[in-house]
Amino acid sequence: EVALHFKSLPHGLFAQSKGQTDEPNTLIVRIQPDEGISLRFATKVPGQGMNLREVAMDFKYGSAFGSSTPEAYERLILDAMRGDATLFTRNDEVEAQWRICDPIVSHWASHPRRLAQYPAGGRGPVVADRLLLEGHKWRAI
């Protein structure tokens, strides 16, 4: 699950709104095993007052299309048997990818460094907090 937080700064009438929350708007992209996208944000409650409430828009691939969709490799094997190369990477694409990756792999090989460790099931290495801007935090999954 990958989450992108973006905070709307209260201004004008919304700065005085009831229900104003310090929670940021959040775009969540779920990769595996429950593929989907969610967007959570504050919106004005209908009516004359200036009340805000957090709402969520949630798309789940499995719920929308059912659980009978083929696994990724099932689709690729079927496409290969049919001769459909649409979902396969072309040779020039692979070569371009390696032109980007080879220098990185070479640098890692010549500058060995121990990867940050954390316990299984943990929230990730503490050093990951350095990736965040001041005042930001990781979203708990």
N, C-alpha and C. Protein backbone atom coordinates (compact mmCIF):
# COMPACT_ATOMS: atom_id res chain seq x y z
N GLU A 1 0.85 -1.18 0.00
CA GLU A 1 0.00 0.00 0.00
C GLU A 1 0.89 1.22 0.00
N VAL A 2 0.60 2.15 -0.88
CA VAL A 2 1.34 3.39 -0.96
C VAL A 2 0.37 4.53 -0.70
N ALA A 3 0.72 5.45 0.17
CA ALA A 3 -0.17 6.56 0.50
C ALA A 3 0.52 7.88 0.20
N LEU A 4 -0.20 8.78 -0.41
CA LEU A 4 0.28 10.13 -0.66
C LEU A 4 -0.62 11.06 0.13
N HIS A 5 -0.05 11.80 1.07
CA HIS A 5 -0.82 12.73 1.88
C HIS A 5 -0.64 14.14 1.33
N PHE A 6 -1.71 14.87 1.23
CA PHE A 6 -1.60 16.27 0.85
C PHE A 6 -2.56 17.04 1.72
N LYS A 7 -2.05 18.09 2.35
CA LYS A 7 -2.82 18.82 3.33
C LYS A 7 -3.33 20.11 2.72
N SER A 8 -4.63 20.34 2.86
CA SER A 8 -5.22 21.59 2.45
C SER A 8 -5.13 22.55 3.62
N LEU A 9 -4.58 23.69 3.40
CA LEU A 9 -4.46 24.66 4.48
C LEU A 9 -5.78 25.41 4.64
N PRO A 10 -6.32 25.48 5.86
CA PRO A 10 -7.57 26.19 6.06
C PRO A 10 -7.37 27.68 5.80
N HIS A 11 -8.32 28.24 5.09
CA HIS A 11 -8.26 29.67 4.82
C HIS A 11 -9.68 30.21 4.70
N GLY A 12 -9.84 31.49 4.79
CA GLY A 12 -11.15 32.11 4.64
C GLY A 12 -12.17 31.51 5.59
N LEU A 13 -13.36 31.21 5.06
CA LEU A 13 -14.45 30.68 5.87
C LEU A 13 -14.12 29.31 6.45
N PHE A 14 -13.31 28.51 5.71
CA PHE A 14 -13.03 27.15 6.17
C PHE A 14 -12.15 27.13 7.42
N ALA A 15 -11.41 28.19 7.69
CA ALA A 15 -10.57 28.23 8.88
C ALA A 15 -11.42 28.20 10.14
N GLN A 16 -12.67 28.64 10.06
CA GLN A 16 -13.57 28.69 11.21
C GLN A 16 -14.59 27.55 11.19
N SER A 17 -14.47 26.60 10.29
CA SER A 17 -15.48 25.57 10.08
C SER A 17 -15.57 24.59 11.24
N LYS A 18 -16.80 24.17 11.54
CA LYS A 18 -16.99 23.08 12.49
C LYS A 18 -16.54 21.80 11.80
N GLY A 19 -15.99 20.90 12.59
CA GLY A 19 -15.56 19.64 12.00
C GLY A 19 -14.23 19.75 11.28
N GLN A 20 -13.58 20.91 11.37
CA GLN A 20 -12.27 21.07 10.72
C GLN A 20 -11.33 20.03 11.30
N THR A 21 -10.63 19.34 10.45
CA THR A 21 -9.76 18.27 10.90
C THR A 21 -8.32 18.57 10.52
N ASP A 22 -7.41 18.09 11.34
CA ASP A 22 -5.99 18.23 11.02
C ASP A 22 -5.50 17.08 10.15
N GLU A 23 -6.40 16.12 9.87
CA GLU A 23 -6.01 14.99 9.05
C GLU A 23 -5.83 15.45 7.60
N PRO A 24 -4.73 15.02 6.96
CA PRO A 24 -4.51 15.43 5.58
C PRO A 24 -5.40 14.66 4.62
N ASN A 25 -5.63 15.24 3.46
CA ASN A 25 -6.26 14.49 2.38
C ASN A 25 -5.27 13.38 2.01
N THR A 26 -5.79 12.22 1.61
CA THR A 26 -4.91 11.09 1.36
C THR A 26 -5.33 10.34 0.11
N LEU A 27 -4.36 10.10 -0.76
CA LEU A 27 -4.55 9.24 -1.92
C LEU A 27 -3.80 7.95 -1.61
N ILE A 28 -4.50 6.81 -1.58
CA ILE A 28 -3.91 5.53 -1.22
C ILE A 28 -4.00 4.60 -2.43
N VAL A 29 -2.86 4.07 -2.84
CA VAL A 29 -2.80 3.10 -3.93
C VAL A 29 -2.43 1.76 -3.32
N ARG A 30 -3.34 0.80 -3.41
CA ARG A 30 -3.09 -0.54 -2.88
C ARG A 30 -2.64 -1.44 -4.02
N ILE A 31 -1.47 -2.05 -3.87
CA ILE A 31 -0.89 -2.84 -4.93
C ILE A 31 -1.24 -4.33 -4.78
N GLN A 32 -0.95 -4.92 -3.65
CA GLN A 32 -1.20 -6.33 -3.41
C GLN A 32 -1.57 -6.51 -1.95
N PRO A 33 -2.35 -7.39 -1.52
CA PRO A 33 -3.12 -8.33 -2.33
C PRO A 33 -4.49 -7.78 -2.70
N ASP A 34 -4.89 -6.65 -2.16
CA ASP A 34 -6.23 -6.10 -2.36
C ASP A 34 -6.13 -4.85 -3.23
N GLU A 35 -5.89 -5.02 -4.54
CA GLU A 35 -5.62 -3.91 -5.44
C GLU A 35 -6.76 -2.90 -5.45
N GLY A 36 -6.40 -1.62 -5.46
CA GLY A 36 -7.42 -0.59 -5.52
C GLY A 36 -6.83 0.79 -5.25
N ILE A 37 -7.73 1.78 -5.24
CA ILE A 37 -7.35 3.17 -5.00
C ILE A 37 -8.39 3.78 -4.08
N SER A 38 -7.93 4.54 -3.09
CA SER A 38 -8.84 5.27 -2.21
C SER A 38 -8.41 6.73 -2.16
N LEU A 39 -9.38 7.59 -2.05
CA LEU A 39 -9.12 9.02 -1.87
C LEU A 39 -9.96 9.48 -0.69
N ARG A 40 -9.30 10.02 0.32
CA ARG A 40 -10.00 10.54 1.50
C ARG A 40 -9.75 12.04 1.57
N PHE A 41 -10.82 12.79 1.77
CA PHE A 41 -10.68 14.24 1.81
C PHE A 41 -11.84 14.85 2.58
N ALA A 42 -11.65 16.09 3.00
CA ALA A 42 -12.71 16.82 3.70
C ALA A 42 -13.59 17.52 2.68
N THR A 43 -14.89 17.50 2.92
CA THR A 43 -15.83 18.16 2.02
C THR A 43 -16.88 18.89 2.84
N LYS A 44 -17.50 19.88 2.25
CA LYS A 44 -18.53 20.66 2.93
C LYS A 44 -19.82 19.85 2.99
N VAL A 45 -20.40 19.80 4.19
CA VAL A 45 -21.68 19.13 4.38
C VAL A 45 -22.75 20.01 3.73
N PRO A 46 -23.67 19.43 2.95
CA PRO A 46 -24.71 20.24 2.31
C PRO A 46 -25.50 21.05 3.35
N GLY A 47 -25.91 22.23 2.96
CA GLY A 47 -26.66 23.11 3.85
C GLY A 47 -26.01 24.46 3.95
N GLN A 48 -26.59 25.32 4.77
CA GLN A 48 -26.10 26.70 4.86
C GLN A 48 -24.88 26.84 5.76
N GLY A 49 -24.70 25.94 6.69
CA GLY A 49 -23.54 26.04 7.58
C GLY A 49 -22.25 25.69 6.86
N MET A 50 -21.16 26.00 7.51
CA MET A 50 -19.84 25.70 6.94
C MET A 50 -19.23 24.54 7.72
N ASN A 51 -19.88 23.39 7.66
CA ASN A 51 -19.40 22.20 8.35
C ASN A 51 -18.67 21.29 7.37
N LEU A 52 -17.53 20.78 7.81
CA LEU A 52 -16.73 19.89 6.98
C LEU A 52 -16.76 18.48 7.57
N ARG A 53 -16.71 17.50 6.68
CA ARG A 53 -16.66 16.11 7.11
C ARG A 53 -15.72 15.35 6.18
N GLU A 54 -14.98 14.41 6.76
CA GLU A 54 -14.11 13.58 5.94
C GLU A 54 -14.94 12.53 5.22
N VAL A 55 -14.68 12.36 3.92
CA VAL A 55 -15.36 11.34 3.12
C VAL A 55 -14.30 10.51 2.40
N ALA A 56 -14.70 9.36 1.91
CA ALA A 56 -13.77 8.48 1.21
C ALA A 56 -14.39 8.00 -0.09
N MET A 57 -13.58 8.00 -1.13
CA MET A 57 -13.94 7.37 -2.40
C MET A 57 -13.04 6.15 -2.48
N ASP A 58 -13.62 4.97 -2.65
CA ASP A 58 -12.85 3.75 -2.56
C ASP A 58 -13.16 2.83 -3.74
N PHE A 59 -12.13 2.47 -4.49
CA PHE A 59 -12.27 1.52 -5.60
C PHE A 59 -11.45 0.29 -5.26
N LYS A 60 -12.11 -0.86 -5.24
CA LYS A 60 -11.42 -2.14 -5.02
C LYS A 60 -11.62 -2.98 -6.27
N TYR A 61 -10.51 -3.35 -6.87
CA TYR A 61 -10.55 -4.09 -8.13
C TYR A 61 -11.37 -5.37 -8.01
N GLY A 62 -11.13 -6.14 -6.93
CA GLY A 62 -11.83 -7.41 -6.74
C GLY A 62 -13.33 -7.23 -6.60
N SER A 63 -13.76 -6.19 -5.88
CA SER A 63 -15.19 -5.94 -5.70
C SER A 63 -15.84 -5.49 -7.00
N ALA A 64 -15.12 -4.69 -7.77
CA ALA A 64 -15.68 -4.14 -9.01
C ALA A 64 -15.78 -5.19 -10.12
N PHE A 65 -14.80 -6.09 -10.19
CA PHE A 65 -14.75 -7.02 -11.32
C PHE A 65 -14.88 -8.48 -10.90
N GLY A 66 -15.04 -8.73 -9.62
CA GLY A 66 -15.19 -10.10 -9.15
C GLY A 66 -13.86 -10.79 -8.95
N SER A 67 -13.91 -11.88 -8.24
CA SER A 67 -12.68 -12.60 -7.93
C SER A 67 -12.31 -13.61 -9.02
N SER A 68 -13.08 -13.66 -10.09
CA SER A 68 -12.80 -14.64 -11.15
C SER A 68 -11.83 -14.11 -12.20
N THR A 69 -11.24 -12.94 -11.95
CA THR A 69 -10.28 -12.41 -12.92
C THR A 69 -9.02 -13.26 -12.89
N PRO A 70 -8.39 -13.49 -14.05
CA PRO A 70 -7.21 -14.35 -14.09
C PRO A 70 -6.02 -13.72 -13.39
N GLU A 71 -5.15 -14.56 -12.85
CA GLU A 71 -3.90 -14.09 -12.28
C GLU A 71 -3.05 -13.51 -13.40
N ALA A 72 -2.09 -12.67 -13.04
CA ALA A 72 -1.26 -11.99 -14.05
C ALA A 72 -0.56 -12.98 -14.96
N TYR A 73 0.02 -14.04 -14.40
CA TYR A 73 0.75 -14.98 -15.23
C TYR A 73 -0.18 -15.81 -16.11
N GLU A 74 -1.40 -16.06 -15.66
CA GLU A 74 -2.37 -16.76 -16.51
C GLU A 74 -2.59 -15.96 -17.78
N ARG A 75 -2.75 -14.66 -17.62
CA ARG A 75 -2.98 -13.78 -18.77
C ARG A 75 -1.77 -13.76 -19.69
N LEU A 76 -0.56 -13.67 -19.11
CA LEU A 76 0.65 -13.62 -19.94
C LEU A 76 0.86 -14.92 -20.71
N ILE A 77 0.63 -16.05 -20.05
CA ILE A 77 0.79 -17.35 -20.72
C ILE A 77 -0.20 -17.48 -21.87
N LEU A 78 -1.45 -17.08 -21.63
CA LEU A 78 -2.46 -17.14 -22.68
C LEU A 78 -2.09 -16.21 -23.84
N ASP A 79 -1.62 -15.00 -23.53
CA ASP A 79 -1.20 -14.07 -24.59
C ASP A 79 -0.02 -14.64 -25.39
N ALA A 80 0.93 -15.29 -24.70
CA ALA A 80 2.08 -15.89 -25.39
C ALA A 80 1.61 -16.99 -26.33
N MET A 81 0.67 -17.80 -25.86
CA MET A 81 0.14 -18.88 -26.71
C MET A 81 -0.59 -18.33 -27.92
N ARG A 82 -1.22 -17.18 -27.80
CA ARG A 82 -1.94 -16.55 -28.90
C ARG A 82 -1.04 -15.72 -29.80
N GLY A 83 0.19 -15.45 -29.34
CA GLY A 83 1.10 -14.62 -30.12
C GLY A 83 0.85 -13.13 -29.93
N ASP A 84 0.16 -12.76 -28.87
CA ASP A 84 -0.13 -11.34 -28.58
C ASP A 84 0.96 -10.80 -27.65
N ALA A 85 1.81 -9.92 -28.17
CA ALA A 85 2.95 -9.40 -27.40
C ALA A 85 2.64 -8.05 -26.74
N THR A 86 1.38 -7.64 -26.70
CA THR A 86 1.01 -6.33 -26.16
C THR A 86 1.54 -6.09 -24.76
N LEU A 87 1.45 -7.07 -23.87
CA LEU A 87 1.85 -6.89 -22.47
C LEU A 87 3.31 -7.28 -22.21
N PHE A 88 4.05 -7.63 -23.26
CA PHE A 88 5.44 -8.03 -23.09
C PHE A 88 6.36 -6.85 -23.41
N THR A 89 7.48 -6.80 -22.71
CA THR A 89 8.46 -5.73 -22.91
C THR A 89 9.30 -6.03 -24.14
N ARG A 90 9.48 -5.01 -25.00
CA ARG A 90 10.30 -5.18 -26.20
C ARG A 90 11.77 -5.19 -25.82
N ASN A 91 12.59 -5.75 -26.68
CA ASN A 91 14.03 -5.86 -26.45
C ASN A 91 14.67 -4.49 -26.23
N ASP A 92 14.30 -3.48 -27.04
CA ASP A 92 14.92 -2.15 -26.88
C ASP A 92 14.53 -1.52 -25.55
N GLU A 93 13.35 -1.84 -25.03
CA GLU A 93 12.95 -1.34 -23.71
C GLU A 93 13.81 -1.95 -22.61
N VAL A 94 14.05 -3.27 -22.71
CA VAL A 94 14.87 -3.95 -21.71
C VAL A 94 16.29 -3.39 -21.72
N GLU A 95 16.84 -3.17 -22.91
CA GLU A 95 18.19 -2.61 -23.01
C GLU A 95 18.26 -1.21 -22.42
N ALA A 96 17.24 -0.39 -22.64
CA ALA A 96 17.20 0.96 -22.07
C ALA A 96 17.11 0.89 -20.54
N GLN A 97 16.34 -0.06 -20.03
CA GLN A 97 16.23 -0.21 -18.58
C GLN A 97 17.58 -0.59 -17.97
N TRP A 98 18.32 -1.49 -18.62
CA TRP A 98 19.61 -1.88 -18.09
C TRP A 98 20.63 -0.74 -18.18
N ARG A 99 20.52 0.12 -19.20
CA ARG A 99 21.42 1.27 -19.27
C ARG A 99 21.22 2.17 -18.05
N ILE A 100 20.02 2.20 -17.51
CA ILE A 100 19.74 2.99 -16.30
C ILE A 100 20.18 2.22 -15.05
N CYS A 101 19.88 0.92 -14.99
CA CYS A 101 20.12 0.12 -13.78
C CYS A 101 21.57 -0.30 -13.60
N ASP A 102 22.30 -0.57 -14.69
CA ASP A 102 23.68 -1.05 -14.56
C ASP A 102 24.57 -0.12 -13.75
N PRO A 103 24.55 1.20 -13.98
CA PRO A 103 25.39 2.07 -13.15
C PRO A 103 25.03 2.02 -11.66
N ILE A 104 23.76 1.85 -11.36
CA ILE A 104 23.33 1.77 -9.97
C ILE A 104 23.87 0.48 -9.34
N VAL A 105 23.70 -0.64 -10.03
CA VAL A 105 24.18 -1.93 -9.53
C VAL A 105 25.70 -1.89 -9.37
N SER A 106 26.40 -1.30 -10.32
CA SER A 106 27.87 -1.18 -10.24
C SER A 106 28.29 -0.34 -9.04
N HIS A 107 27.59 0.76 -8.81
CA HIS A 107 27.90 1.62 -7.66
C HIS A 107 27.70 0.86 -6.36
N TRP A 108 26.59 0.14 -6.24
CA TRP A 108 26.32 -0.64 -5.03
C TRP A 108 27.41 -1.68 -4.82
N ALA A 109 27.87 -2.31 -5.91
CA ALA A 109 28.90 -3.35 -5.80
C ALA A 109 30.22 -2.76 -5.33
N SER A 110 30.56 -1.56 -5.80
CA SER A 110 31.84 -0.95 -5.43
C SER A 110 31.76 -0.14 -4.13
N HIS A 111 30.58 0.10 -3.63
CA HIS A 111 30.40 0.83 -2.36
C HIS A 111 29.42 0.05 -1.47
N PRO A 112 29.87 -1.13 -1.00
CA PRO A 112 28.94 -1.94 -0.21
C PRO A 112 28.50 -1.22 1.06
N ARG A 113 27.25 -1.36 1.35
CA ARG A 113 26.68 -0.69 2.52
C ARG A 113 25.57 -1.59 3.06
N ARG A 114 25.50 -1.71 4.33
CA ARG A 114 24.50 -2.58 4.94
C ARG A 114 23.13 -1.90 4.86
N LEU A 115 22.14 -2.66 4.42
CA LEU A 115 20.78 -2.13 4.36
C LEU A 115 20.20 -1.99 5.76
N ALA A 116 19.34 -1.01 5.94
CA ALA A 116 18.69 -0.80 7.23
C ALA A 116 17.81 -2.01 7.55
N GLN A 117 17.87 -2.45 8.77
CA GLN A 117 17.13 -3.63 9.20
C GLN A 117 15.94 -3.22 10.08
N TYR A 118 14.92 -4.07 10.10
CA TYR A 118 13.79 -3.90 11.01
C TYR A 118 13.13 -5.25 11.19
N PRO A 119 12.44 -5.44 12.31
CA PRO A 119 11.84 -6.75 12.57
C PRO A 119 10.69 -7.07 11.61
N ALA A 120 10.52 -8.35 11.31
CA ALA A 120 9.42 -8.79 10.46
C ALA A 120 8.10 -8.30 11.05
N GLY A 121 7.25 -7.77 10.20
CA GLY A 121 5.95 -7.25 10.66
C GLY A 121 6.05 -5.86 11.26
N GLY A 122 7.26 -5.30 11.29
CA GLY A 122 7.47 -3.96 11.85
C GLY A 122 7.03 -2.87 10.89
N ARG A 123 7.22 -1.64 11.29
CA ARG A 123 6.79 -0.50 10.48
C ARG A 123 7.88 -0.01 9.55
N GLY A 124 8.97 -0.72 9.45
CA GLY A 124 10.06 -0.31 8.58
C GLY A 124 11.20 0.27 9.37
N PRO A 125 12.33 0.50 8.71
CA PRO A 125 13.50 1.01 9.43
C PRO A 125 13.30 2.45 9.90
N VAL A 126 13.87 2.76 11.04
CA VAL A 126 13.75 4.10 11.61
C VAL A 126 14.35 5.15 10.67
N VAL A 127 15.41 4.78 9.94
CA VAL A 127 16.05 5.74 9.04
C VAL A 127 15.12 6.19 7.91
N ALA A 128 14.01 5.46 7.67
CA ALA A 128 13.06 5.85 6.63
C ALA A 128 12.40 7.19 6.95
N ASP A 129 12.38 7.56 8.23
CA ASP A 129 11.79 8.85 8.60
C ASP A 129 12.54 10.02 7.98
N ARG A 130 13.80 9.82 7.64
CA ARG A 130 14.57 10.90 7.02
C ARG A 130 14.08 11.24 5.61
N LEU A 131 13.28 10.34 5.02
CA LEU A 131 12.73 10.60 3.68
C LEU A 131 11.59 11.61 3.72
N LEU A 132 11.01 11.82 4.90
CA LEU A 132 9.83 12.66 5.03
C LEU A 132 10.19 14.12 5.29
N LEU A 133 9.33 15.00 4.85
CA LEU A 133 9.48 16.40 5.18
C LEU A 133 9.14 16.60 6.65
N GLU A 134 9.65 17.66 7.23
CA GLU A 134 9.38 17.95 8.64
C GLU A 134 7.87 18.07 8.88
N GLY A 135 7.40 17.43 9.93
CA GLY A 135 5.98 17.48 10.26
C GLY A 135 5.15 16.39 9.59
N HIS A 136 5.74 15.62 8.70
CA HIS A 136 5.02 14.53 8.04
C HIS A 136 5.29 13.23 8.76
N LYS A 137 4.42 12.26 8.55
CA LYS A 137 4.60 10.95 9.19
C LYS A 137 4.11 9.86 8.24
N TRP A 138 4.61 8.66 8.47
CA TRP A 138 4.18 7.51 7.69
C TRP A 138 2.77 7.12 8.10
N ARG A 139 1.99 6.64 7.17
CA ARG A 139 0.64 6.17 7.46
C ARG A 139 0.70 4.73 7.90
N ALA A 140 0.07 4.42 9.02
CA ALA A 140 0.05 3.04 9.51
C ALA A 140 -0.87 2.21 8.62
N ILE A 141 -0.43 1.01 8.29
CA ILE A 141 -1.25 0.13 7.45
C ILE A 141 -1.90 -0.93 8.30
